[in-house]
Amino acid sequence: MNKARRKTIEIVAASIENAISELEMCRDEEQCYYDNMPEPLKYGTRGETADECINSLDDAISSLEEALNSVNNSIEQ
């Protein structure tokens, strides 16, 4: 791999890392919101929506972490 392609891939890796960080912050804020809900609301629509959002963000973070690993592997080769 030449330097130019390697540099481009490194920039993409940094972008993925940034996206992971941003999503983790959003997930943590949503988790805090959910954790501080009164018990009756946790089992209602708001709580279910917050919980689904947290799970979706966790899935997205995991997918991006896998993508980042693949991108980093391509740089090392």
Protein backbone atom coordinates (compact mmCIF):
# COMPACT_ATOMS: atom_id res chain seq x y z
CA MET A 1 0.00 0.00 0.00
CA ASN A 2 1.37 3.38 -0.88
CA LYS A 3 1.61 6.33 1.51
CA ALA A 4 -1.33 8.23 0.02
CA ARG A 5 -3.77 5.32 0.40
CA ARG A 6 -2.45 4.55 3.87
CA LYS A 7 -2.97 8.20 4.89
CA THR A 8 -6.53 8.15 3.52
CA ILE A 9 -7.30 4.99 5.45
CA GLU A 10 -5.83 6.52 8.61
CA ILE A 11 -8.13 9.53 8.17
CA VAL A 12 -11.11 7.21 7.76
CA ALA A 13 -10.07 5.30 10.90
CA ALA A 14 -9.93 8.56 12.85
CA SER A 15 -13.41 9.44 11.59
CA ILE A 16 -14.74 6.08 12.74
CA GLU A 17 -13.12 6.58 16.15
CA ASN A 18 -14.78 9.99 16.38
CA ALA A 19 -18.16 8.52 15.43
CA ILE A 20 -17.78 5.85 18.10
CA SER A 21 -16.97 8.48 20.69
CA GLU A 22 -19.97 10.63 19.72
CA LEU A 23 -22.33 7.65 19.79
CA GLU A 24 -21.00 6.57 23.18
CA MET A 25 -21.75 10.03 24.56
CA CYS A 26 -25.28 9.91 23.17
CA ARG A 27 -25.80 6.42 24.53
CA ASP A 28 -24.51 7.43 27.95
CA GLU A 29 -26.81 10.46 28.04
CA GLU A 30 -29.79 8.31 27.04
CA GLN A 31 -28.81 5.74 29.69
CA CYS A 32 -28.64 8.48 32.32
CA TYR A 33 -32.07 9.72 31.21
CA TYR A 34 -33.46 6.19 31.49
CA ASP A 35 -31.79 5.49 34.84
CA ASN A 36 -33.24 8.67 36.34
CA MET A 37 -36.80 8.02 35.16
CA PRO A 38 -39.38 7.26 37.81
CA GLU A 39 -40.14 3.52 37.84
CA PRO A 40 -43.65 3.85 36.35
CA LEU A 41 -42.26 5.70 33.30
CA LYS A 42 -39.56 3.07 32.70
CA TYR A 43 -42.27 0.53 31.90
CA GLY A 44 -44.25 2.91 29.71
CA THR A 45 -43.70 4.16 26.18
CA ARG A 46 -40.97 6.62 27.15
CA GLY A 47 -38.95 4.01 28.98
CA GLU A 48 -39.34 1.44 26.23
CA THR A 49 -38.30 4.00 23.62
CA ALA A 50 -35.24 5.02 25.64
CA ASP A 51 -34.27 1.38 26.19
CA GLU A 52 -34.62 0.60 22.47
CA CYS A 53 -32.52 3.65 21.63
CA ILE A 54 -29.79 2.53 24.06
CA ASN A 55 -29.76 -0.95 22.52
CA SER A 56 -29.64 0.43 18.98
CA LEU A 57 -26.76 2.72 19.87
CA ASP A 58 -24.90 -0.20 21.46
CA ASP A 59 -25.39 -2.18 18.24
CA ALA A 60 -24.14 0.73 16.13
CA ILE A 61 -21.08 1.16 18.37
CA SER A 62 -20.27 -2.53 18.12
CA SER A 63 -20.58 -2.45 14.34
CA LEU A 64 -18.31 0.57 14.09
CA GLU A 65 -15.75 -1.07 16.39
CA GLU A 66 -15.71 -4.10 14.08
CA ALA A 67 -15.30 -1.82 11.07
CA LEU A 68 -12.48 0.03 12.81
CA ASN A 69 -10.69 -3.25 13.52
CA SER A 70 -10.95 -4.19 9.83
CA VAL A 71 -9.69 -0.80 8.72
CA ASN A 72 -6.78 -0.95 11.18
CA ASN A 73 -5.93 -4.46 9.95
CA SER A 74 -5.72 -3.17 6.40
CA ILE A 75 -3.25 -0.50 7.50
CA GLU A 76 -1.01 -3.06 9.22
CA GLN A 77 -0.71 -5.24 6.15
